[in-house]
């Protein structure tokens, strides 16, 4: 006796259904990134000495100090092309970046942090495990994305911050404020 005809058809439909289940969220994320509002160009000057540069999906902020700069986030590009180009245009060599302050542990905020040899790299204590690669960045969807697009390595050393702290680098003052929500680790 031969197996029912619907059994073979079902075996073919399962891989197709799985492909659709995986493809739809990926297409949704792609559409979200394509339609989100962007500033007029890759560089945004928000005030004297504060410039944001598009690093391919997230901005890194360069805050000028009397003798260099501090970065707030370091983007998704591990080579730091946009950041390095802006620093060069402003006459700031990489070894005059005093600190990299990472707002949260998602890879689009820390990838180029290791490019600045004299910078203190700092992030919220709750994000350190994600930045170091000791903890998954996302749930199931994130694991699928990281299989398609490998995560950048974290910087070699990161100091944890508690929040409600005052920092000073080369005369520039920063107040650390914990704002949990976007990143579940924070």
C-alpha atoms as a PDB file:
ATOM      1  CA  UNK A   1       0.000   0.000   0.000  1.00  0.00           C
ATOM      2  CA  UNK A   2       1.440   3.391  -0.941  1.00  0.00           C
ATOM      3  CA  UNK A   3       1.585   6.339   1.499  1.00  0.00           C
ATOM      4  CA  UNK A   4      -1.150   8.929   1.230  1.00  0.00           C
ATOM      5  CA  UNK A   5      -0.456  11.606  -1.382  1.00  0.00           C
ATOM      6  CA  UNK A   6      -0.862  14.424   1.127  1.00  0.00           C
ATOM      7  CA  UNK A   7       2.119  13.115   3.202  1.00  0.00           C
ATOM      8  CA  UNK A   8       4.704  13.892   0.515  1.00  0.00           C
ATOM      9  CA  UNK A   9       3.237  17.306  -0.154  1.00  0.00           C
ATOM     10  CA  UNK A  10       3.398  18.145   3.538  1.00  0.00           C
ATOM     11  CA  UNK A  11       7.130  17.300   3.692  1.00  0.00           C
ATOM     12  CA  UNK A  12       7.768  19.761   0.866  1.00  0.00           C
ATOM     13  CA  UNK A  13       5.662  22.471   2.495  1.00  0.00           C
ATOM     14  CA  UNK A  14       7.490  22.461   5.840  1.00  0.00           C
ATOM     15  CA  UNK A  15      10.836  23.804   4.487  1.00  0.00           C
ATOM     16  CA  UNK A  16       8.953  26.415   2.468  1.00  0.00           C
ATOM     17  CA  UNK A  17       6.986  27.480   5.535  1.00  0.00           C
ATOM     18  CA  UNK A  18      10.203  27.700   7.589  1.00  0.00           C
ATOM     19  CA  UNK A  19      11.839  29.817   4.888  1.00  0.00           C
ATOM     20  CA  UNK A  20       8.856  32.174   4.917  1.00  0.00           C
ATOM     21  CA  UNK A  21       8.936  32.389   8.730  1.00  0.00           C
ATOM     22  CA  UNK A  22      12.628  33.370   8.592  1.00  0.00           C
ATOM     23  CA  UNK A  23      12.374  35.642   5.529  1.00  0.00           C
ATOM     24  CA  UNK A  24       9.398  37.751   6.640  1.00  0.00           C
ATOM     25  CA  UNK A  25      11.055  39.201   9.772  1.00  0.00           C
ATOM     26  CA  UNK A  26      14.252  39.858   7.798  1.00  0.00           C
ATOM     27  CA  UNK A  27      12.271  41.690   5.122  1.00  0.00           C
ATOM     28  CA  UNK A  28      10.435  43.618   7.822  1.00  0.00           C
ATOM     29  CA  UNK A  29      13.686  44.776   9.408  1.00  0.00           C
ATOM     30  CA  UNK A  30      15.034  45.725   5.987  1.00  0.00           C
ATOM     31  CA  UNK A  31      11.917  47.769   5.259  1.00  0.00           C
ATOM     32  CA  UNK A  32      12.137  49.421   8.674  1.00  0.00           C
ATOM     33  CA  UNK A  33      15.739  50.510   8.063  1.00  0.00           C
ATOM     34  CA  UNK A  34      14.951  51.663   4.520  1.00  0.00           C
ATOM     35  CA  UNK A  35      12.004  53.836   5.556  1.00  0.00           C
ATOM     36  CA  UNK A  36      13.235  55.314   8.820  1.00  0.00           C
ATOM     37  CA  UNK A  37      13.841  59.031   8.901  1.00  0.00           C
ATOM     38  CA  UNK A  38      17.465  60.015   8.400  1.00  0.00           C
ATOM     39  CA  UNK A  39      19.249  63.338   8.797  1.00  0.00           C
ATOM     40  CA  UNK A  40      20.309  65.199   5.641  1.00  0.00           C
ATOM     41  CA  UNK A  41      23.520  63.306   4.947  1.00  0.00           C
ATOM     42  CA  UNK A  42      26.119  61.308   6.805  1.00  0.00           C
ATOM     43  CA  UNK A  43      27.289  64.185   9.045  1.00  0.00           C
ATOM     44  CA  UNK A  44      25.219  66.179  11.537  1.00  0.00           C
ATOM     45  CA  UNK A  45      26.578  69.106  13.534  1.00  0.00           C
ATOM     46  CA  UNK A  46      24.345  69.559  16.586  1.00  0.00           C
ATOM     47  CA  UNK A  47      26.312  72.288  18.309  1.00  0.00           C
ATOM     48  CA  UNK A  48      29.782  73.752  18.632  1.00  0.00           C
ATOM     49  CA  UNK A  49      32.236  70.878  18.767  1.00  0.00           C
ATOM     50  CA  UNK A  50      29.618  68.096  18.600  1.00  0.00           C
ATOM     51  CA  UNK A  51      29.288  66.160  15.344  1.00  0.00           C
ATOM     52  CA  UNK A  52      27.407  62.968  14.558  1.00  0.00           C
ATOM     53  CA  UNK A  53      28.587  60.715  11.734  1.00  0.00           C
ATOM     54  CA  UNK A  54      26.545  57.933  10.158  1.00  0.00           C
ATOM     55  CA  UNK A  55      28.415  54.664  10.585  1.00  0.00           C
ATOM     56  CA  UNK A  56      26.039  52.577   8.509  1.00  0.00           C
ATOM     57  CA  UNK A  57      22.836  52.431  10.502  1.00  0.00           C
ATOM     58  CA  UNK A  58      23.796  54.175  13.742  1.00  0.00           C
ATOM     59  CA  UNK A  59      25.447  57.460  14.544  1.00  0.00           C
ATOM     60  CA  UNK A  60      28.684  57.925  16.450  1.00  0.00           C
ATOM     61  CA  UNK A  61      29.051  61.298  18.156  1.00  0.00           C
ATOM     62  CA  UNK A  62      32.354  63.151  18.266  1.00  0.00           C
ATOM     63  CA  UNK A  63      32.645  65.658  21.093  1.00  0.00           C
ATOM     64  CA  UNK A  64      35.677  67.928  20.727  1.00  0.00           C
ATOM     65  CA  UNK A  65      37.832  68.603  23.763  1.00  0.00           C
ATOM     66  CA  UNK A  66      40.676  71.141  24.061  1.00  0.00           C
ATOM     67  CA  UNK A  67      43.263  68.553  22.952  1.00  0.00           C
ATOM     68  CA  UNK A  68      41.300  65.839  21.146  1.00  0.00           C
ATOM     69  CA  UNK A  69      37.863  64.263  21.331  1.00  0.00           C
ATOM     70  CA  UNK A  70      35.526  61.914  23.159  1.00  0.00           C
ATOM     71  CA  UNK A  71      33.281  59.525  21.221  1.00  0.00           C
ATOM     72  CA  UNK A  72      29.762  58.707  22.281  1.00  0.00           C
ATOM     73  CA  UNK A  73      29.250  55.345  20.584  1.00  0.00           C
ATOM     74  CA  UNK A  74      31.521  53.869  17.943  1.00  0.00           C
ATOM     75  CA  UNK A  75      29.143  52.594  15.264  1.00  0.00           C
ATOM     76  CA  UNK A  76      28.722  49.287  13.454  1.00  0.00           C
ATOM     77  CA  UNK A  77      31.715  49.580  11.100  1.00  0.00           C
ATOM     78  CA  UNK A  78      34.627  47.857  12.875  1.00  0.00           C
ATOM     79  CA  UNK A  79      37.053  49.742  10.597  1.00  0.00           C
ATOM     80  CA  UNK A  80      35.542  53.043  11.737  1.00  0.00           C
ATOM     81  CA  UNK A  81      35.766  54.647   8.279  1.00  0.00           C
ATOM     82  CA  UNK A  82      33.276  57.490   8.897  1.00  0.00           C
ATOM     83  CA  UNK A  83      34.610  58.201  12.393  1.00  0.00           C
ATOM     84  CA  UNK A  84      38.250  58.223  11.302  1.00  0.00           C
ATOM     85  CA  UNK A  85      37.444  60.436   8.291  1.00  0.00           C
ATOM     86  CA  UNK A  86      35.674  62.995  10.489  1.00  0.00           C
ATOM     87  CA  UNK A  87      38.450  62.929  13.092  1.00  0.00           C
ATOM     88  CA  UNK A  88      41.015  63.469  10.329  1.00  0.00           C
ATOM     89  CA  UNK A  89      38.976  66.370   8.908  1.00  0.00           C
ATOM     90  CA  UNK A  90      38.965  67.920  12.381  1.00  0.00           C
ATOM     91  CA  UNK A  91      42.698  67.334  12.868  1.00  0.00           C
ATOM     92  CA  UNK A  92      42.281  64.773  15.657  1.00  0.00           C
ATOM     93  CA  UNK A  93      44.484  61.667  15.400  1.00  0.00           C
ATOM     94  CA  UNK A  94      43.088  58.394  16.838  1.00  0.00           C
ATOM     95  CA  UNK A  95      45.489  58.520  19.791  1.00  0.00           C
ATOM     96  CA  UNK A  96      43.905  61.821  20.888  1.00  0.00           C
ATOM     97  CA  UNK A  97      40.505  60.223  21.427  1.00  0.00           C
ATOM     98  CA  UNK A  98      40.371  60.251  25.229  1.00  0.00           C
ATOM     99  CA  UNK A  99      37.318  58.047  25.744  1.00  0.00           C
ATOM    100  CA  UNK A 100      34.636  56.040  23.981  1.00  0.00           C
ATOM    101  CA  UNK A 101      31.360  56.094  25.902  1.00  0.00           C
ATOM    102  CA  UNK A 102      29.121  53.257  24.716  1.00  0.00           C
ATOM    103  CA  UNK A 103      25.436  53.995  25.270  1.00  0.00           C
ATOM    104  CA  UNK A 104      24.387  50.341  25.270  1.00  0.00           C
ATOM    105  CA  UNK A 105      25.583  46.872  24.343  1.00  0.00           C
ATOM    106  CA  UNK A 106      24.219  46.477  20.827  1.00  0.00           C
ATOM    107  CA  UNK A 107      26.960  45.958  18.220  1.00  0.00           C
ATOM    108  CA  UNK A 108      25.991  49.003  16.160  1.00  0.00           C
ATOM    109  CA  UNK A 109      27.238  51.130  19.061  1.00  0.00           C
ATOM    110  CA  UNK A 110      30.647  49.618  19.873  1.00  0.00           C
ATOM    111  CA  UNK A 111      32.275  48.070  16.768  1.00  0.00           C
ATOM    112  CA  UNK A 112      35.056  50.659  16.251  1.00  0.00           C
ATOM    113  CA  UNK A 113      35.767  51.269  19.952  1.00  0.00           C
ATOM    114  CA  UNK A 114      39.009  49.279  19.843  1.00  0.00           C
ATOM    115  CA  UNK A 115      40.566  51.582  17.197  1.00  0.00           C
ATOM    116  CA  UNK A 116      41.534  54.259  19.698  1.00  0.00           C
ATOM    117  CA  UNK A 117      44.646  53.088  21.566  1.00  0.00           C
ATOM    118  CA  UNK A 118      44.642  55.644  24.389  1.00  0.00           C
ATOM    119  CA  UNK A 119      40.885  55.879  24.892  1.00  0.00           C
ATOM    120  CA  UNK A 120      39.132  54.639  27.998  1.00  0.00           C
ATOM    121  CA  UNK A 121      36.175  52.596  26.786  1.00  0.00           C
ATOM    122  CA  UNK A 122      33.206  52.749  29.129  1.00  0.00           C
ATOM    123  CA  UNK A 123      29.662  51.373  29.144  1.00  0.00           C
ATOM    124  CA  UNK A 124      26.889  50.583  31.576  1.00  0.00           C
ATOM    125  CA  UNK A 125      27.792  47.652  33.823  1.00  0.00           C
ATOM    126  CA  UNK A 126      24.727  45.728  32.640  1.00  0.00           C
ATOM    127  CA  UNK A 127      26.015  45.827  29.050  1.00  0.00           C
ATOM    128  CA  UNK A 128      29.562  44.588  29.646  1.00  0.00           C
ATOM    129  CA  UNK A 129      28.801  40.887  29.100  1.00  0.00           C
ATOM    130  CA  UNK A 130      27.158  41.632  25.737  1.00  0.00           C
ATOM    131  CA  UNK A 131      30.007  43.898  24.605  1.00  0.00           C
ATOM    132  CA  UNK A 132      32.604  41.288  25.590  1.00  0.00           C
ATOM    133  CA  UNK A 133      30.660  38.572  23.766  1.00  0.00           C
ATOM    134  CA  UNK A 134      29.855  36.620  26.951  1.00  0.00           C
ATOM    135  CA  UNK A 135      26.089  37.053  26.571  1.00  0.00           C
ATOM    136  CA  UNK A 136      23.769  36.855  23.554  1.00  0.00           C
ATOM    137  CA  UNK A 137      22.751  40.235  22.160  1.00  0.00           C
ATOM    138  CA  UNK A 138      19.273  39.272  21.147  1.00  0.00           C
ATOM    139  CA  UNK A 139      16.825  36.412  21.429  1.00  0.00           C
ATOM    140  CA  UNK A 140      16.005  34.054  18.536  1.00  0.00           C
ATOM    141  CA  UNK A 141      15.777  36.726  15.836  1.00  0.00           C
ATOM    142  CA  UNK A 142      19.171  38.105  16.888  1.00  0.00           C
ATOM    143  CA  UNK A 143      20.774  34.689  16.659  1.00  0.00           C
ATOM    144  CA  UNK A 144      19.435  34.359  13.108  1.00  0.00           C
ATOM    145  CA  UNK A 145      20.773  37.833  12.240  1.00  0.00           C
ATOM    146  CA  UNK A 146      24.197  37.128  13.773  1.00  0.00           C
ATOM    147  CA  UNK A 147      24.421  33.942  11.691  1.00  0.00           C
ATOM    148  CA  UNK A 148      23.913  36.065   8.568  1.00  0.00           C
ATOM    149  CA  UNK A 149      26.007  39.023   9.745  1.00  0.00           C
ATOM    150  CA  UNK A 150      28.676  38.094  12.329  1.00  0.00           C
ATOM    151  CA  UNK A 151      28.984  40.381  15.334  1.00  0.00           C
ATOM    152  CA  UNK A 152      32.010  42.663  15.530  1.00  0.00           C
ATOM    153  CA  UNK A 153      34.463  41.923  18.329  1.00  0.00           C
ATOM    154  CA  UNK A 154      34.139  44.060  21.420  1.00  0.00           C
ATOM    155  CA  UNK A 155      36.942  46.382  22.510  1.00  0.00           C
ATOM    156  CA  UNK A 156      39.781  44.760  24.497  1.00  0.00           C
ATOM    157  CA  UNK A 157      38.914  46.493  27.794  1.00  0.00           C
ATOM    158  CA  UNK A 158      35.675  48.112  28.911  1.00  0.00           C
ATOM    159  CA  UNK A 159      35.047  49.827  32.239  1.00  0.00           C
ATOM    160  CA  UNK A 160      31.570  49.504  33.726  1.00  0.00           C
ATOM    161  CA  UNK A 161      29.493  52.511  34.742  1.00  0.00           C
ATOM    162  CA  UNK A 162      26.645  52.536  37.278  1.00  0.00           C
ATOM    163  CA  UNK A 163      24.786  55.630  36.104  1.00  0.00           C
ATOM    164  CA  UNK A 164      24.506  58.987  37.862  1.00  0.00           C
ATOM    165  CA  UNK A 165      28.257  59.515  37.569  1.00  0.00           C
ATOM    166  CA  UNK A 166      30.292  62.526  36.516  1.00  0.00           C
ATOM    167  CA  UNK A 167      33.151  61.975  34.064  1.00  0.00           C
ATOM    168  CA  UNK A 168      35.770  64.416  32.821  1.00  0.00           C
ATOM    169  CA  UNK A 169      38.137  63.959  29.905  1.00  0.00           C
ATOM    170  CA  UNK A 170      40.506  66.723  28.830  1.00  0.00           C
ATOM    171  CA  UNK A 171      38.278  69.398  30.343  1.00  0.00           C
ATOM    172  CA  UNK A 172      35.013  68.079  28.862  1.00  0.00           C
ATOM    173  CA  UNK A 173      32.442  66.961  31.429  1.00  0.00           C
ATOM    174  CA  UNK A 174      29.883  64.227  30.952  1.00  0.00           C
ATOM    175  CA  UNK A 175      27.072  63.096  33.212  1.00  0.00           C
ATOM    176  CA  UNK A 176      26.192  59.413  33.006  1.00  0.00           C
ATOM    177  CA  UNK A 177      22.477  58.700  33.248  1.00  0.00           C
ATOM    178  CA  UNK A 178      21.167  55.135  33.150  1.00  0.00           C
ATOM    179  CA  UNK A 179      18.264  54.901  30.692  1.00  0.00           C
ATOM    180  CA  UNK A 180      17.265  51.232  30.532  1.00  0.00           C
ATOM    181  CA  UNK A 181      14.691  50.089  28.045  1.00  0.00           C
ATOM    182  CA  UNK A 182      16.072  49.820  24.514  1.00  0.00           C
ATOM    183  CA  UNK A 183      18.689  47.284  25.551  1.00  0.00           C
ATOM    184  CA  UNK A 184      17.448  44.641  27.945  1.00  0.00           C
ATOM    185  CA  UNK A 185      20.869  44.253  29.596  1.00  0.00           C
ATOM    186  CA  UNK A 186      21.141  47.853  30.795  1.00  0.00           C
END
